Amino acid sequence: MSDRPNEPQAATPPPASESTPQPGRNRPHWDLEDTHPDKVEELIKGLRTVVDPEIGLDIITLGLVRNVRLDADKNEAVVTMILTTPFCPYGPALLEMARQKAEQLLGVPTAIEMGTEVWDMSMVEDGELLKKWGLWW
């Protein structure tokens, strides 16, 4: 800290765990984690098989799955997703593959709901991956 009153003070950087996305920690919280936590890991594993062929990364790593809800009373699931671009040429296929995989793993009819968030690289699950590509930080 400086003794000069008008000199800007250096901010204390946050701990590395707060400032740098950690693998598997940049995913948004899903409703499914609260209602059916036993189904989350299997669903994540299954959805990792749905890969964007242009980018070569799966929809979980890209952060495209924003929420998963399972309503046992209505016997249905809803997966909220976004796309990397509004006119993604593989968008319809990715959405349908995700729907089919979620339906298979959850065992109930599943719908895809389009989220309103605009995708950006901060949504990628593993910040280290982006560093390796030279795209972030």
N, C-alpha and C. Protein backbone atom coordinates (compact mmCIF):
# COMPACT_ATOMS: atom_id res chain seq x y z
N MET A 1 0.83 -1.17 0.00
CA MET A 1 0.00 0.00 0.00
C MET A 1 0.87 1.23 0.00
N SER A 2 0.44 2.24 -0.71
CA SER A 2 1.20 3.46 -0.83
C SER A 2 0.77 4.45 0.24
N ASP A 3 1.72 5.32 0.63
CA ASP A 3 1.41 6.37 1.60
C ASP A 3 0.85 7.60 0.90
N ARG A 4 0.91 7.64 -0.42
CA ARG A 4 0.42 8.80 -1.16
C ARG A 4 -1.10 8.70 -1.29
N PRO A 5 -1.82 9.74 -0.90
CA PRO A 5 -3.29 9.68 -0.87
C PRO A 5 -3.95 9.54 -2.25
N ASN A 6 -3.39 10.09 -3.31
CA ASN A 6 -4.04 10.07 -4.62
C ASN A 6 -3.58 8.92 -5.50
N GLU A 7 -2.65 8.14 -5.02
CA GLU A 7 -2.15 7.03 -5.84
C GLU A 7 -3.11 5.85 -5.75
N PRO A 8 -3.43 5.25 -6.92
CA PRO A 8 -4.34 4.10 -6.90
C PRO A 8 -3.75 2.95 -6.09
N GLN A 9 -4.60 2.28 -5.36
CA GLN A 9 -4.17 1.16 -4.54
C GLN A 9 -4.29 -0.13 -5.35
N ALA A 10 -3.29 -0.98 -5.22
CA ALA A 10 -3.32 -2.26 -5.91
C ALA A 10 -4.36 -3.16 -5.24
N ALA A 11 -5.18 -3.77 -6.05
CA ALA A 11 -6.19 -4.67 -5.51
C ALA A 11 -5.54 -6.01 -5.17
N THR A 12 -6.02 -6.61 -4.13
CA THR A 12 -5.53 -7.94 -3.76
C THR A 12 -6.20 -8.94 -4.67
N PRO A 13 -5.40 -9.73 -5.41
CA PRO A 13 -6.03 -10.69 -6.31
C PRO A 13 -6.75 -11.77 -5.54
N PRO A 14 -7.86 -12.28 -6.12
CA PRO A 14 -8.58 -13.36 -5.45
C PRO A 14 -7.73 -14.62 -5.46
N PRO A 15 -7.99 -15.56 -4.55
CA PRO A 15 -7.27 -16.83 -4.59
C PRO A 15 -7.42 -17.48 -5.94
N ALA A 16 -6.43 -18.26 -6.35
CA ALA A 16 -6.43 -18.89 -7.67
C ALA A 16 -7.70 -19.69 -7.91
N SER A 17 -8.22 -20.33 -6.88
CA SER A 17 -9.42 -21.15 -7.07
C SER A 17 -10.64 -20.32 -7.44
N GLU A 18 -10.64 -19.03 -7.06
CA GLU A 18 -11.77 -18.17 -7.39
C GLU A 18 -11.59 -17.48 -8.74
N SER A 19 -10.35 -17.18 -9.12
CA SER A 19 -10.14 -16.42 -10.34
C SER A 19 -9.97 -17.29 -11.57
N THR A 20 -9.58 -18.53 -11.40
CA THR A 20 -9.36 -19.42 -12.52
C THR A 20 -10.39 -20.53 -12.52
N PRO A 21 -11.14 -20.67 -13.62
CA PRO A 21 -12.10 -21.78 -13.66
C PRO A 21 -11.39 -23.11 -13.46
N GLN A 22 -11.97 -23.95 -12.67
CA GLN A 22 -11.40 -25.26 -12.40
C GLN A 22 -12.14 -26.30 -13.22
N PRO A 23 -11.44 -27.33 -13.70
CA PRO A 23 -12.13 -28.36 -14.48
C PRO A 23 -13.36 -28.88 -13.74
N GLY A 24 -14.47 -28.91 -14.45
CA GLY A 24 -15.70 -29.42 -13.88
C GLY A 24 -16.42 -28.46 -12.96
N ARG A 25 -15.87 -27.30 -12.73
CA ARG A 25 -16.47 -26.36 -11.79
C ARG A 25 -17.11 -25.15 -12.48
N ASN A 26 -16.99 -25.05 -13.77
CA ASN A 26 -17.54 -23.90 -14.48
C ASN A 26 -18.93 -24.21 -15.04
N ARG A 27 -19.46 -25.36 -14.70
CA ARG A 27 -20.79 -25.76 -15.16
C ARG A 27 -21.84 -25.12 -14.25
N PRO A 28 -22.94 -24.62 -14.84
CA PRO A 28 -23.99 -24.05 -13.99
C PRO A 28 -24.67 -25.13 -13.15
N HIS A 29 -25.25 -24.71 -12.06
CA HIS A 29 -25.98 -25.63 -11.18
C HIS A 29 -27.28 -26.03 -11.86
N TRP A 30 -27.56 -27.31 -11.90
CA TRP A 30 -28.79 -27.82 -12.50
C TRP A 30 -29.81 -28.12 -11.41
N ASP A 31 -31.09 -27.93 -11.71
CA ASP A 31 -32.16 -28.30 -10.78
C ASP A 31 -32.08 -29.79 -10.43
N LEU A 32 -31.65 -30.60 -11.38
CA LEU A 32 -31.53 -32.05 -11.18
C LEU A 32 -30.61 -32.38 -9.99
N GLU A 33 -29.63 -31.53 -9.74
CA GLU A 33 -28.70 -31.77 -8.64
C GLU A 33 -29.40 -31.71 -7.28
N ASP A 34 -30.47 -30.93 -7.21
CA ASP A 34 -31.23 -30.81 -5.97
C ASP A 34 -32.30 -31.90 -5.83
N THR A 35 -32.92 -32.24 -6.95
CA THR A 35 -34.05 -33.16 -6.90
C THR A 35 -33.67 -34.63 -7.09
N HIS A 36 -32.65 -34.89 -7.92
CA HIS A 36 -32.24 -36.27 -8.22
C HIS A 36 -30.71 -36.34 -8.35
N PRO A 37 -29.99 -36.06 -7.27
CA PRO A 37 -28.53 -36.00 -7.35
C PRO A 37 -27.90 -37.31 -7.82
N ASP A 38 -28.58 -38.41 -7.62
CA ASP A 38 -28.06 -39.72 -8.03
C ASP A 38 -27.99 -39.87 -9.55
N LYS A 39 -28.67 -39.03 -10.29
CA LYS A 39 -28.70 -39.14 -11.75
C LYS A 39 -27.71 -38.21 -12.46
N VAL A 40 -27.11 -37.28 -11.73
CA VAL A 40 -26.30 -36.23 -12.34
C VAL A 40 -25.04 -36.78 -13.02
N GLU A 41 -24.24 -37.55 -12.31
CA GLU A 41 -22.97 -38.02 -12.88
C GLU A 41 -23.17 -38.86 -14.13
N GLU A 42 -24.15 -39.76 -14.11
CA GLU A 42 -24.41 -40.58 -15.28
C GLU A 42 -24.87 -39.72 -16.46
N LEU A 43 -25.68 -38.70 -16.18
CA LEU A 43 -26.15 -37.82 -17.25
C LEU A 43 -24.99 -37.02 -17.83
N ILE A 44 -24.14 -36.50 -16.98
CA ILE A 44 -22.97 -35.76 -17.47
C ILE A 44 -22.11 -36.65 -18.35
N LYS A 45 -21.85 -37.85 -17.88
CA LYS A 45 -21.04 -38.80 -18.64
C LYS A 45 -21.67 -39.08 -20.00
N GLY A 46 -22.98 -39.29 -20.03
CA GLY A 46 -23.67 -39.56 -21.28
C GLY A 46 -23.68 -38.37 -22.23
N LEU A 47 -23.91 -37.18 -21.69
CA LEU A 47 -23.96 -35.99 -22.53
C LEU A 47 -22.58 -35.62 -23.07
N ARG A 48 -21.54 -36.11 -22.44
CA ARG A 48 -20.19 -35.88 -22.98
C ARG A 48 -19.97 -36.61 -24.31
N THR A 49 -20.85 -37.54 -24.65
CA THR A 49 -20.73 -38.24 -25.93
C THR A 49 -21.35 -37.44 -27.07
N VAL A 50 -22.06 -36.35 -26.75
CA VAL A 50 -22.65 -35.49 -27.78
C VAL A 50 -21.63 -34.40 -28.09
N VAL A 51 -21.02 -34.52 -29.28
CA VAL A 51 -19.88 -33.67 -29.64
C VAL A 51 -20.26 -32.74 -30.80
N ASP A 52 -19.86 -31.47 -30.66
CA ASP A 52 -20.02 -30.52 -31.76
C ASP A 52 -18.95 -30.85 -32.79
N PRO A 53 -19.33 -31.30 -33.99
CA PRO A 53 -18.34 -31.75 -34.96
C PRO A 53 -17.44 -30.64 -35.50
N GLU A 54 -17.89 -29.39 -35.46
CA GLU A 54 -17.04 -28.29 -35.94
C GLU A 54 -15.96 -27.94 -34.94
N ILE A 55 -16.29 -28.00 -33.66
CA ILE A 55 -15.35 -27.60 -32.62
C ILE A 55 -14.59 -28.80 -32.08
N GLY A 56 -15.23 -29.96 -32.09
CA GLY A 56 -14.59 -31.18 -31.60
C GLY A 56 -14.66 -31.33 -30.09
N LEU A 57 -15.55 -30.58 -29.44
CA LEU A 57 -15.73 -30.68 -27.99
C LEU A 57 -17.18 -31.05 -27.71
N ASP A 58 -17.38 -31.71 -26.56
CA ASP A 58 -18.73 -32.13 -26.20
C ASP A 58 -19.53 -30.97 -25.60
N ILE A 59 -20.84 -31.17 -25.51
CA ILE A 59 -21.74 -30.11 -25.06
C ILE A 59 -21.58 -29.76 -23.59
N ILE A 60 -21.07 -30.69 -22.79
CA ILE A 60 -20.81 -30.38 -21.38
C ILE A 60 -19.56 -29.51 -21.27
N THR A 61 -18.49 -29.90 -21.94
CA THR A 61 -17.25 -29.13 -21.91
C THR A 61 -17.49 -27.71 -22.44
N LEU A 62 -18.29 -27.58 -23.49
CA LEU A 62 -18.57 -26.26 -24.05
C LEU A 62 -19.50 -25.42 -23.18
N GLY A 63 -20.17 -26.05 -22.23
CA GLY A 63 -21.09 -25.31 -21.36
C GLY A 63 -22.43 -25.02 -22.01
N LEU A 64 -22.82 -25.86 -22.97
CA LEU A 64 -24.08 -25.63 -23.68
C LEU A 64 -25.30 -26.10 -22.91
N VAL A 65 -25.13 -27.02 -21.98
CA VAL A 65 -26.25 -27.49 -21.17
C VAL A 65 -26.32 -26.59 -19.94
N ARG A 66 -27.36 -25.77 -19.88
CA ARG A 66 -27.47 -24.77 -18.82
C ARG A 66 -28.30 -25.24 -17.63
N ASN A 67 -29.25 -26.17 -17.87
CA ASN A 67 -30.05 -26.67 -16.76
C ASN A 67 -30.70 -28.00 -17.19
N VAL A 68 -30.98 -28.82 -16.19
CA VAL A 68 -31.74 -30.05 -16.40
C VAL A 68 -32.75 -30.14 -15.27
N ARG A 69 -34.03 -30.29 -15.63
CA ARG A 69 -35.10 -30.45 -14.65
C ARG A 69 -35.76 -31.79 -14.88
N LEU A 70 -36.08 -32.47 -13.81
CA LEU A 70 -36.81 -33.74 -13.91
C LEU A 70 -38.03 -33.62 -13.01
N ASP A 71 -39.19 -33.72 -13.63
CA ASP A 71 -40.44 -33.63 -12.89
C ASP A 71 -41.05 -35.03 -12.83
N ALA A 72 -40.85 -35.70 -11.71
CA ALA A 72 -41.34 -37.08 -11.56
C ALA A 72 -42.86 -37.14 -11.58
N ASP A 73 -43.53 -36.10 -11.07
CA ASP A 73 -45.00 -36.09 -11.07
C ASP A 73 -45.57 -36.07 -12.50
N LYS A 74 -44.92 -35.31 -13.37
CA LYS A 74 -45.37 -35.23 -14.76
C LYS A 74 -44.68 -36.27 -15.64
N ASN A 75 -43.72 -36.98 -15.06
CA ASN A 75 -42.97 -38.00 -15.79
C ASN A 75 -42.31 -37.42 -17.04
N GLU A 76 -41.56 -36.31 -16.84
CA GLU A 76 -40.88 -35.68 -17.96
C GLU A 76 -39.62 -34.96 -17.49
N ALA A 77 -38.72 -34.73 -18.43
CA ALA A 77 -37.50 -33.97 -18.16
C ALA A 77 -37.39 -32.85 -19.18
N VAL A 78 -36.74 -31.78 -18.78
CA VAL A 78 -36.49 -30.66 -19.68
C VAL A 78 -35.01 -30.30 -19.55
N VAL A 79 -34.31 -30.28 -20.68
CA VAL A 79 -32.91 -29.89 -20.74
C VAL A 79 -32.85 -28.51 -21.40
N THR A 80 -32.31 -27.54 -20.68
CA THR A 80 -32.15 -26.20 -21.23
C THR A 80 -30.76 -26.09 -21.83
N MET A 81 -30.70 -25.74 -23.11
CA MET A 81 -29.43 -25.64 -23.81
C MET A 81 -29.33 -24.31 -24.55
N ILE A 82 -28.09 -23.95 -24.85
CA ILE A 82 -27.80 -22.84 -25.74
C ILE A 82 -26.86 -23.37 -26.82
N LEU A 83 -26.64 -22.59 -27.85
CA LEU A 83 -25.71 -22.95 -28.91
C LEU A 83 -24.56 -21.96 -28.93
N THR A 84 -23.45 -22.35 -29.53
CA THR A 84 -22.29 -21.45 -29.58
C THR A 84 -22.58 -20.24 -30.45
N THR A 85 -23.40 -20.39 -31.48
CA THR A 85 -23.84 -19.27 -32.31
C THR A 85 -25.31 -19.49 -32.65
N PRO A 86 -26.05 -18.42 -32.88
CA PRO A 86 -27.47 -18.58 -33.19
C PRO A 86 -27.73 -19.38 -34.46
N PHE A 87 -26.81 -19.33 -35.40
CA PHE A 87 -27.01 -20.03 -36.67
C PHE A 87 -26.07 -21.21 -36.81
N CYS A 88 -25.76 -21.86 -35.70
CA CYS A 88 -24.90 -23.04 -35.71
C CYS A 88 -25.47 -24.07 -36.69
N PRO A 89 -24.71 -24.46 -37.71
CA PRO A 89 -25.25 -25.39 -38.70
C PRO A 89 -25.56 -26.77 -38.12
N TYR A 90 -24.91 -27.13 -37.03
CA TYR A 90 -25.16 -28.43 -36.40
C TYR A 90 -26.12 -28.32 -35.22
N GLY A 91 -26.64 -27.12 -34.97
CA GLY A 91 -27.52 -26.90 -33.84
C GLY A 91 -28.68 -27.87 -33.73
N PRO A 92 -29.49 -28.02 -34.76
CA PRO A 92 -30.62 -28.95 -34.66
C PRO A 92 -30.18 -30.38 -34.34
N ALA A 93 -29.10 -30.82 -34.95
CA ALA A 93 -28.62 -32.18 -34.69
C ALA A 93 -28.10 -32.32 -33.26
N LEU A 94 -27.37 -31.30 -32.77
CA LEU A 94 -26.87 -31.34 -31.38
C LEU A 94 -28.02 -31.39 -30.39
N LEU A 95 -29.03 -30.57 -30.63
CA LEU A 95 -30.18 -30.53 -29.72
C LEU A 95 -30.90 -31.88 -29.70
N GLU A 96 -31.08 -32.48 -30.86
CA GLU A 96 -31.78 -33.76 -30.92
C GLU A 96 -30.93 -34.88 -30.30
N MET A 97 -29.62 -34.87 -30.55
CA MET A 97 -28.76 -35.89 -29.93
C MET A 97 -28.77 -35.76 -28.41
N ALA A 98 -28.75 -34.53 -27.92
CA ALA A 98 -28.79 -34.30 -26.46
C ALA A 98 -30.13 -34.77 -25.89
N ARG A 99 -31.22 -34.47 -26.60
CA ARG A 99 -32.54 -34.89 -26.13
C ARG A 99 -32.62 -36.41 -26.05
N GLN A 100 -32.18 -37.08 -27.09
CA GLN A 100 -32.24 -38.54 -27.11
C GLN A 100 -31.37 -39.15 -26.01
N LYS A 101 -30.18 -38.61 -25.82
CA LYS A 101 -29.27 -39.16 -24.79
C LYS A 101 -29.85 -38.93 -23.40
N ALA A 102 -30.38 -37.74 -23.13
CA ALA A 102 -30.97 -37.46 -21.82
C ALA A 102 -32.19 -38.35 -21.59
N GLU A 103 -33.01 -38.53 -22.61
CA GLU A 103 -34.20 -39.38 -22.48
C GLU A 103 -33.79 -40.82 -22.17
N GLN A 104 -32.77 -41.30 -22.85
CA GLN A 104 -32.27 -42.66 -22.62
C GLN A 104 -31.77 -42.82 -21.18
N LEU A 105 -31.01 -41.85 -20.70
CA LEU A 105 -30.39 -41.98 -19.38
C LEU A 105 -31.36 -41.69 -18.24
N LEU A 106 -32.28 -40.77 -18.44
CA LEU A 106 -33.23 -40.41 -17.38
C LEU A 106 -34.46 -41.31 -17.38
N GLY A 107 -34.71 -41.95 -18.51
CA GLY A 107 -35.82 -42.91 -18.58
C GLY A 107 -37.20 -42.29 -18.62
N VAL A 108 -37.27 -41.01 -19.01
CA VAL A 108 -38.57 -40.33 -19.14
C VAL A 108 -38.56 -39.50 -20.42
N PRO A 109 -39.74 -39.19 -20.97
CA PRO A 109 -39.77 -38.31 -22.13
C PRO A 109 -39.05 -37.00 -21.81
N THR A 110 -38.24 -36.53 -22.77
CA THR A 110 -37.40 -35.36 -22.53
C THR A 110 -37.58 -34.35 -23.64
N ALA A 111 -37.65 -33.08 -23.24
CA ALA A 111 -37.75 -31.98 -24.20
C ALA A 111 -36.52 -31.10 -24.06
N ILE A 112 -36.19 -30.42 -25.14
CA ILE A 112 -35.11 -29.43 -25.12
C ILE A 112 -35.75 -28.05 -25.11
N GLU A 113 -35.27 -27.22 -24.21
CA GLU A 113 -35.73 -25.83 -24.12
C GLU A 113 -34.53 -24.96 -24.48
N MET A 114 -34.72 -24.01 -25.38
CA MET A 114 -33.62 -23.12 -25.76
C MET A 114 -33.46 -22.03 -24.72
N GLY A 115 -32.26 -21.93 -24.17
CA GLY A 115 -31.96 -20.88 -23.21
C GLY A 115 -31.77 -19.55 -23.91
N THR A 116 -31.79 -18.48 -23.15
CA THR A 116 -31.66 -17.14 -23.73
C THR A 116 -30.27 -16.56 -23.57
N GLU A 117 -29.39 -17.26 -22.84
CA GLU A 117 -28.03 -16.75 -22.65
C GLU A 117 -27.28 -16.77 -23.97
N VAL A 118 -26.38 -15.83 -24.13
CA VAL A 118 -25.50 -15.81 -25.29
C VAL A 118 -24.22 -16.52 -24.87
N TRP A 119 -23.82 -17.55 -25.63
CA TRP A 119 -22.64 -18.33 -25.29
C TRP A 119 -21.39 -17.48 -25.45
N ASP A 120 -20.46 -17.64 -24.52
CA ASP A 120 -19.12 -17.08 -24.69
C ASP A 120 -18.12 -18.05 -24.09
N MET A 121 -16.85 -17.82 -24.34
CA MET A 121 -15.82 -18.78 -23.95
C MET A 121 -15.68 -18.95 -22.44
N SER A 122 -16.21 -18.02 -21.67
CA SER A 122 -16.15 -18.18 -20.22
C SER A 122 -17.02 -19.33 -19.73
N MET A 123 -17.92 -19.82 -20.59
CA MET A 123 -18.81 -20.92 -20.22
C MET A 123 -18.15 -22.29 -20.39
N VAL A 124 -16.99 -22.31 -21.03
CA VAL A 124 -16.28 -23.57 -21.22
C VAL A 124 -15.88 -24.11 -19.85
N GLU A 125 -16.10 -25.39 -19.67
CA GLU A 125 -15.91 -26.04 -18.37
C GLU A 125 -14.48 -25.93 -17.84
N ASP A 126 -13.50 -26.08 -18.70
CA ASP A 126 -12.11 -26.18 -18.26
C ASP A 126 -11.30 -25.02 -18.83
N GLY A 127 -11.00 -24.04 -18.00
CA GLY A 127 -10.22 -22.89 -18.43
C GLY A 127 -8.83 -23.26 -18.94
N GLU A 128 -8.27 -24.34 -18.42
CA GLU A 128 -6.95 -24.78 -18.87
C GLU A 128 -6.98 -25.20 -20.34
N LEU A 129 -8.08 -25.75 -20.78
CA LEU A 129 -8.21 -26.14 -22.18
C LEU A 129 -8.08 -24.92 -23.08
N LEU A 130 -8.73 -23.83 -22.70
CA LEU A 130 -8.66 -22.62 -23.50
C LEU A 130 -7.26 -22.03 -23.48
N LYS A 131 -6.58 -22.11 -22.36
CA LYS A 131 -5.20 -21.62 -22.29
C LYS A 131 -4.32 -22.39 -23.26
N LYS A 132 -4.52 -23.71 -23.33
CA LYS A 132 -3.72 -24.52 -24.25
C LYS A 132 -3.96 -24.11 -25.69
N TRP A 133 -5.18 -23.71 -25.99
CA TRP A 133 -5.51 -23.29 -27.35
C TRP A 133 -5.09 -21.85 -27.62
N GLY A 134 -4.70 -21.13 -26.54
CA GLY A 134 -4.34 -19.74 -26.70
C GLY A 134 -5.54 -18.83 -26.89
N LEU A 135 -6.71 -19.26 -26.41
CA LEU A 135 -7.93 -18.49 -26.60
C LEU A 135 -8.36 -17.67 -25.39
N TRP A 136 -7.76 -17.91 -24.23
CA TRP A 136 -8.23 -17.26 -23.01
C TRP A 136 -7.05 -17.02 -22.09
N TRP A 137 -7.06 -15.97 -21.39
CA TRP A 137 -6.03 -15.56 -20.43
C TRP A 137 -4.76 -15.24 -21.12
